[in-house]
Amino acid sequence: MTTPSCCRATGLRRFGAVLCALGLSVAARAPLAGQSLEDASRLAGLGTVGVRAEAAWDELITMEAGGATSDQFLQALEATFGDAIGNADAGPEVGNGGTASVACHVDTFYETGLIVYALRVQVERPGDDGRPVIVWIRSWVGSFTVQQLHLMFSLGEQCAEAFLEAWRSAN
């Protein structure tokens, strides 16, 4: 994901607009009963989960900041997220036999000297038509200076901690 130079000046505003739109689309999927998708009680009884990670990596981080490549970041994200859930003292079992999956998604954006990120951790279950339906979600944004680039590799752990905290409160 490379941002053309003509768009970089307004990039952070566009990034904010995308995040706002994401929040509105998630809110629009909330059930009619009014239970929030962030309500941890939605995780009650969740025993076995599949785990996956996804990333939209701004290649300017690699080119301008000398950071990891998209593939390197995704591999680290998958490893830290999966390991943190799988090795937790109290958490669901990780395996392919579950009816739910938990995903950590990271979107990144590079602005000179600053790396902005959006994190989303969500639990999905198959809907009546077999397609995944989000049953729980938590999202947040943050940033690191280029000098803190190494901290990008802790984002998988942050996703896992948010999920495990909610899971423990419901189980």
C-alpha atoms as a PDB file:
ATOM      1  CA  MET A   1       0.000   0.000   0.000  1.00  0.00           C
ATOM      2  CA  THR A   2       1.966   2.998  -1.206  1.00  0.00           C
ATOM      3  CA  THR A   3       0.471   6.448  -0.830  1.00  0.00           C
ATOM      4  CA  PRO A   4       1.113   8.709  -3.829  1.00  0.00           C
ATOM      5  CA  SER A   5       3.032  11.852  -2.924  1.00  0.00           C
ATOM      6  CA  CYS A   6       0.127  14.042  -4.030  1.00  0.00           C
ATOM      7  CA  CYS A   7      -2.061  12.403  -1.365  1.00  0.00           C
ATOM      8  CA  ARG A   8       0.361  12.280   1.566  1.00  0.00           C
ATOM      9  CA  ALA A   9      -0.435  15.778   2.812  1.00  0.00           C
ATOM     10  CA  THR A  10      -4.054  14.805   3.336  1.00  0.00           C
ATOM     11  CA  GLY A  11      -3.211  11.200   4.182  1.00  0.00           C
ATOM     12  CA  LEU A  12      -3.836  11.447   7.912  1.00  0.00           C
ATOM     13  CA  ARG A  13      -7.218  13.086   7.319  1.00  0.00           C
ATOM     14  CA  ARG A  14      -8.129  10.333   4.873  1.00  0.00           C
ATOM     15  CA  PHE A  15      -6.879   7.698   7.311  1.00  0.00           C
ATOM     16  CA  GLY A  16      -9.115   9.216   9.992  1.00  0.00           C
ATOM     17  CA  ALA A  17     -12.070   9.221   7.616  1.00  0.00           C
ATOM     18  CA  VAL A  18     -11.469   5.555   6.810  1.00  0.00           C
ATOM     19  CA  LEU A  19     -11.378   4.716  10.515  1.00  0.00           C
ATOM     20  CA  CYS A  20     -14.593   6.649  11.076  1.00  0.00           C
ATOM     21  CA  ALA A  21     -16.258   4.809   8.201  1.00  0.00           C
ATOM     22  CA  LEU A  22     -15.034   1.489   9.604  1.00  0.00           C
ATOM     23  CA  GLY A  23     -16.550   2.351  12.959  1.00  0.00           C
ATOM     24  CA  LEU A  24     -19.848   3.285  11.343  1.00  0.00           C
ATOM     25  CA  SER A  25     -19.977   0.077   9.302  1.00  0.00           C
ATOM     26  CA  VAL A  26     -19.241  -2.040  12.380  1.00  0.00           C
ATOM     27  CA  ALA A  27     -21.823  -0.172  14.430  1.00  0.00           C
ATOM     28  CA  ALA A  28     -24.367  -0.736  11.673  1.00  0.00           C
ATOM     29  CA  ARG A  29     -23.960  -4.523  12.120  1.00  0.00           C
ATOM     30  CA  ALA A  30     -24.845  -4.442  15.814  1.00  0.00           C
ATOM     31  CA  PRO A  31     -27.818  -6.669  16.618  1.00  0.00           C
ATOM     32  CA  LEU A  32     -31.243  -5.131  17.008  1.00  0.00           C
ATOM     33  CA  ALA A  33     -31.339  -6.069  20.678  1.00  0.00           C
ATOM     34  CA  GLY A  34     -28.800  -3.300  21.250  1.00  0.00           C
ATOM     35  CA  GLN A  35     -25.942  -5.417  22.572  1.00  0.00           C
ATOM     36  CA  SER A  36     -22.646  -3.800  21.609  1.00  0.00           C
ATOM     37  CA  LEU A  37     -20.173  -5.755  19.508  1.00  0.00           C
ATOM     38  CA  GLU A  38     -17.595  -4.819  22.175  1.00  0.00           C
ATOM     39  CA  ASP A  39     -19.621  -6.521  24.935  1.00  0.00           C
ATOM     40  CA  ALA A  40     -17.361  -9.230  26.382  1.00  0.00           C
ATOM     41  CA  SER A  41     -20.365 -11.404  27.279  1.00  0.00           C
ATOM     42  CA  ARG A  42     -20.490 -12.274  23.563  1.00  0.00           C
ATOM     43  CA  LEU A  43     -17.381 -14.421  24.237  1.00  0.00           C
ATOM     44  CA  ALA A  44     -19.034 -16.552  26.945  1.00  0.00           C
ATOM     45  CA  GLY A  45     -18.577 -20.266  26.320  1.00  0.00           C
ATOM     46  CA  LEU A  46     -16.003 -19.774  23.573  1.00  0.00           C
ATOM     47  CA  GLY A  47     -13.773 -22.827  23.962  1.00  0.00           C
ATOM     48  CA  THR A  48     -11.658 -23.422  20.859  1.00  0.00           C
ATOM     49  CA  VAL A  49     -10.667 -20.797  18.322  1.00  0.00           C
ATOM     50  CA  GLY A  50      -8.708 -20.607  15.124  1.00  0.00           C
ATOM     51  CA  VAL A  51      -6.222 -17.722  15.071  1.00  0.00           C
ATOM     52  CA  ARG A  52      -5.141 -15.542  12.163  1.00  0.00           C
ATOM     53  CA  ALA A  53      -3.474 -12.192  11.507  1.00  0.00           C
ATOM     54  CA  GLU A  54      -3.895  -9.716   8.649  1.00  0.00           C
ATOM     55  CA  ALA A  55      -1.984  -6.557   7.815  1.00  0.00           C
ATOM     56  CA  ALA A  56      -2.208  -3.672   5.396  1.00  0.00           C
ATOM     57  CA  TRP A  57       1.401  -2.447   5.379  1.00  0.00           C
ATOM     58  CA  ASP A  58       2.343   0.982   4.057  1.00  0.00           C
ATOM     59  CA  GLU A  59       5.435   0.267   1.943  1.00  0.00           C
ATOM     60  CA  LEU A  60       6.723   3.758   2.756  1.00  0.00           C
ATOM     61  CA  ILE A  61       7.625   2.350   6.181  1.00  0.00           C
ATOM     62  CA  THR A  62      10.033   0.003   4.428  1.00  0.00           C
ATOM     63  CA  MET A  63      11.286   2.495   1.845  1.00  0.00           C
ATOM     64  CA  GLU A  64      11.515   5.679   3.933  1.00  0.00           C
ATOM     65  CA  ALA A  65      12.050   4.426   7.483  1.00  0.00           C
ATOM     66  CA  GLY A  66      14.101   1.347   6.660  1.00  0.00           C
ATOM     67  CA  GLY A  67      11.606  -0.865   8.409  1.00  0.00           C
ATOM     68  CA  ALA A  68      10.543  -4.424   7.849  1.00  0.00           C
ATOM     69  CA  THR A  69       8.898  -5.570   4.675  1.00  0.00           C
ATOM     70  CA  SER A  70       5.205  -6.338   4.563  1.00  0.00           C
ATOM     71  CA  ASP A  71       5.907 -10.105   4.649  1.00  0.00           C
ATOM     72  CA  GLN A  72       8.286  -9.801   7.605  1.00  0.00           C
ATOM     73  CA  PHE A  73       5.766  -7.761   9.564  1.00  0.00           C
ATOM     74  CA  LEU A  74       2.921 -10.186   8.815  1.00  0.00           C
ATOM     75  CA  GLN A  75       5.038 -13.173   9.892  1.00  0.00           C
ATOM     76  CA  ALA A  76       5.923 -11.457  13.170  1.00  0.00           C
ATOM     77  CA  LEU A  77       2.289 -10.406  13.722  1.00  0.00           C
ATOM     78  CA  GLU A  78       1.045 -13.966  13.140  1.00  0.00           C
ATOM     79  CA  ALA A  79       3.677 -15.444  15.460  1.00  0.00           C
ATOM     80  CA  THR A  80       3.236 -13.006  18.354  1.00  0.00           C
ATOM     81  CA  PHE A  81      -0.574 -13.021  18.170  1.00  0.00           C
ATOM     82  CA  GLY A  82      -0.928 -16.796  17.924  1.00  0.00           C
ATOM     83  CA  ASP A  83       1.719 -17.503  20.562  1.00  0.00           C
ATOM     84  CA  ALA A  84       0.250 -15.014  23.036  1.00  0.00           C
ATOM     85  CA  ILE A  85      -3.198 -16.630  22.834  1.00  0.00           C
ATOM     86  CA  GLY A  86      -1.904 -20.202  22.653  1.00  0.00           C
ATOM     87  CA  ASN A  87       0.458 -19.770  25.617  1.00  0.00           C
ATOM     88  CA  ALA A  88      -1.934 -17.825  27.847  1.00  0.00           C
ATOM     89  CA  ASP A  89      -2.513 -19.231  31.328  1.00  0.00           C
ATOM     90  CA  ALA A  90      -6.236 -18.630  30.932  1.00  0.00           C
ATOM     91  CA  GLY A  91      -7.694 -18.488  27.457  1.00  0.00           C
ATOM     92  CA  PRO A  92      -9.479 -20.529  24.846  1.00  0.00           C
ATOM     93  CA  GLU A  93      -7.790 -23.504  23.244  1.00  0.00           C
ATOM     94  CA  VAL A  94      -6.192 -22.708  19.897  1.00  0.00           C
ATOM     95  CA  GLY A  95      -6.983 -25.153  17.141  1.00  0.00           C
ATOM     96  CA  ASN A  96      -8.771 -25.683  13.880  1.00  0.00           C
ATOM     97  CA  GLY A  97     -11.672 -27.601  15.449  1.00  0.00           C
ATOM     98  CA  GLY A  98     -13.434 -24.568  16.859  1.00  0.00           C
ATOM     99  CA  THR A  99     -16.520 -22.894  15.489  1.00  0.00           C
ATOM    100  CA  ALA A 100     -15.000 -19.437  15.874  1.00  0.00           C
ATOM    101  CA  SER A 101     -11.883 -17.640  14.761  1.00  0.00           C
ATOM    102  CA  VAL A 102     -10.124 -14.670  16.298  1.00  0.00           C
ATOM    103  CA  ALA A 103      -8.290 -12.266  14.000  1.00  0.00           C
ATOM    104  CA  CYS A 104      -5.832  -9.436  14.572  1.00  0.00           C
ATOM    105  CA  HIS A 105      -5.845  -6.875  11.779  1.00  0.00           C
ATOM    106  CA  VAL A 106      -3.329  -4.026  11.551  1.00  0.00           C
ATOM    107  CA  ASP A 107      -3.499  -1.118   9.104  1.00  0.00           C
ATOM    108  CA  THR A 108      -0.387   1.053   8.887  1.00  0.00           C
ATOM    109  CA  PHE A 109       0.274   4.485   7.447  1.00  0.00           C
ATOM    110  CA  TYR A 110       3.596   6.310   7.200  1.00  0.00           C
ATOM    111  CA  GLU A 111       3.840  10.072   7.623  1.00  0.00           C
ATOM    112  CA  THR A 112       7.337  11.583   7.749  1.00  0.00           C
ATOM    113  CA  GLY A 113       8.865  10.473  11.053  1.00  0.00           C
ATOM    114  CA  LEU A 114       5.646   8.846  12.289  1.00  0.00           C
ATOM    115  CA  ILE A 115       4.005   5.459  11.862  1.00  0.00           C
ATOM    116  CA  VAL A 116       0.256   5.497  12.491  1.00  0.00           C
ATOM    117  CA  TYR A 117      -1.598   2.233  12.996  1.00  0.00           C
ATOM    118  CA  ALA A 118      -5.122   0.974  13.513  1.00  0.00           C
ATOM    119  CA  LEU A 119      -5.609  -2.309  15.359  1.00  0.00           C
ATOM    120  CA  ARG A 120      -8.718  -4.441  15.245  1.00  0.00           C
ATOM    121  CA  VAL A 121      -9.206  -7.755  17.017  1.00  0.00           C
ATOM    122  CA  GLN A 122     -12.408  -9.593  16.252  1.00  0.00           C
ATOM    123  CA  VAL A 123     -14.118 -12.925  16.736  1.00  0.00           C
ATOM    124  CA  GLU A 124     -16.061 -14.431  13.856  1.00  0.00           C
ATOM    125  CA  ARG A 125     -18.460 -17.354  13.669  1.00  0.00           C
ATOM    126  CA  PRO A 126     -20.113 -18.823  10.600  1.00  0.00           C
ATOM    127  CA  GLY A 127     -23.500 -17.272   9.858  1.00  0.00           C
ATOM    128  CA  ASP A 128     -26.555 -19.113   8.592  1.00  0.00           C
ATOM    129  CA  ASP A 129     -25.201 -18.842   5.052  1.00  0.00           C
ATOM    130  CA  GLY A 130     -21.738 -20.089   6.106  1.00  0.00           C
ATOM    131  CA  ARG A 131     -20.044 -16.709   5.695  1.00  0.00           C
ATOM    132  CA  PRO A 132     -18.194 -15.294   8.722  1.00  0.00           C
ATOM    133  CA  VAL A 133     -20.145 -12.978  10.995  1.00  0.00           C
ATOM    134  CA  ILE A 134     -18.374 -10.706  13.477  1.00  0.00           C
ATOM    135  CA  VAL A 135     -19.681 -11.493  16.964  1.00  0.00           C
ATOM    136  CA  TRP A 136     -17.183  -9.417  18.986  1.00  0.00           C
ATOM    137  CA  ILE A 137     -14.775  -6.642  18.052  1.00  0.00           C
ATOM    138  CA  ARG A 138     -12.433  -4.158  19.671  1.00  0.00           C
ATOM    139  CA  SER A 139     -10.419  -1.543  17.788  1.00  0.00           C
ATOM    140  CA  TRP A 140      -8.075   1.332  18.548  1.00  0.00           C
ATOM    141  CA  VAL A 141      -5.477   3.552  16.926  1.00  0.00           C
ATOM    142  CA  GLY A 142      -2.000   4.631  17.899  1.00  0.00           C
ATOM    143  CA  SER A 143       1.323   5.807  16.576  1.00  0.00           C
ATOM    144  CA  PHE A 144       5.045   5.339  16.974  1.00  0.00           C
ATOM    145  CA  THR A 145       7.909   7.553  15.983  1.00  0.00           C
ATOM    146  CA  VAL A 146      10.302   6.021  13.462  1.00  0.00           C
ATOM    147  CA  GLN A 147      12.809   5.557  16.303  1.00  0.00           C
ATOM    148  CA  GLN A 148      10.240   3.284  17.993  1.00  0.00           C
ATOM    149  CA  LEU A 149       9.767   1.125  14.890  1.00  0.00           C
ATOM    150  CA  HIS A 150      10.735  -2.021  16.830  1.00  0.00           C
ATOM    151  CA  LEU A 151       7.575  -1.575  18.918  1.00  0.00           C
ATOM    152  CA  MET A 152       5.487  -2.393  15.821  1.00  0.00           C
ATOM    153  CA  PHE A 153       6.330  -6.014  16.550  1.00  0.00           C
ATOM    154  CA  SER A 154       4.400  -5.835  19.835  1.00  0.00           C
ATOM    155  CA  LEU A 155       1.079  -5.159  18.089  1.00  0.00           C
ATOM    156  CA  GLY A 156       0.201  -8.870  17.895  1.00  0.00           C
ATOM    157  CA  GLU A 157       0.591  -9.087  21.653  1.00  0.00           C
ATOM    158  CA  GLN A 158      -1.619  -6.017  22.089  1.00  0.00           C
ATOM    159  CA  CYS A 159      -4.362  -7.681  20.013  1.00  0.00           C
ATOM    160  CA  ALA A 160      -4.043 -10.883  22.047  1.00  0.00           C
ATOM    161  CA  GLU A 161      -4.151  -9.018  25.374  1.00  0.00           C
ATOM    162  CA  ALA A 162      -7.331  -7.155  24.373  1.00  0.00           C
ATOM    163  CA  PHE A 163      -9.017 -10.395  23.304  1.00  0.00           C
ATOM    164  CA  LEU A 164      -7.863 -12.398  26.349  1.00  0.00           C
ATOM    165  CA  GLU A 165      -8.949  -9.696  28.780  1.00  0.00           C
ATOM    166  CA  ALA A 166     -12.453  -9.716  27.302  1.00  0.00           C
ATOM    167  CA  TRP A 167     -12.545 -13.534  27.088  1.00  0.00           C
ATOM    168  CA  ARG A 168     -11.513 -13.907  30.749  1.00  0.00           C
ATOM    169  CA  SER A 169     -14.178 -11.471  31.905  1.00  0.00           C
ATOM    170  CA  ALA A 170     -16.838 -13.572  30.146  1.00  0.00           C
ATOM    171  CA  ASN A 171     -15.524 -17.012  31.064  1.00  0.00           C
END
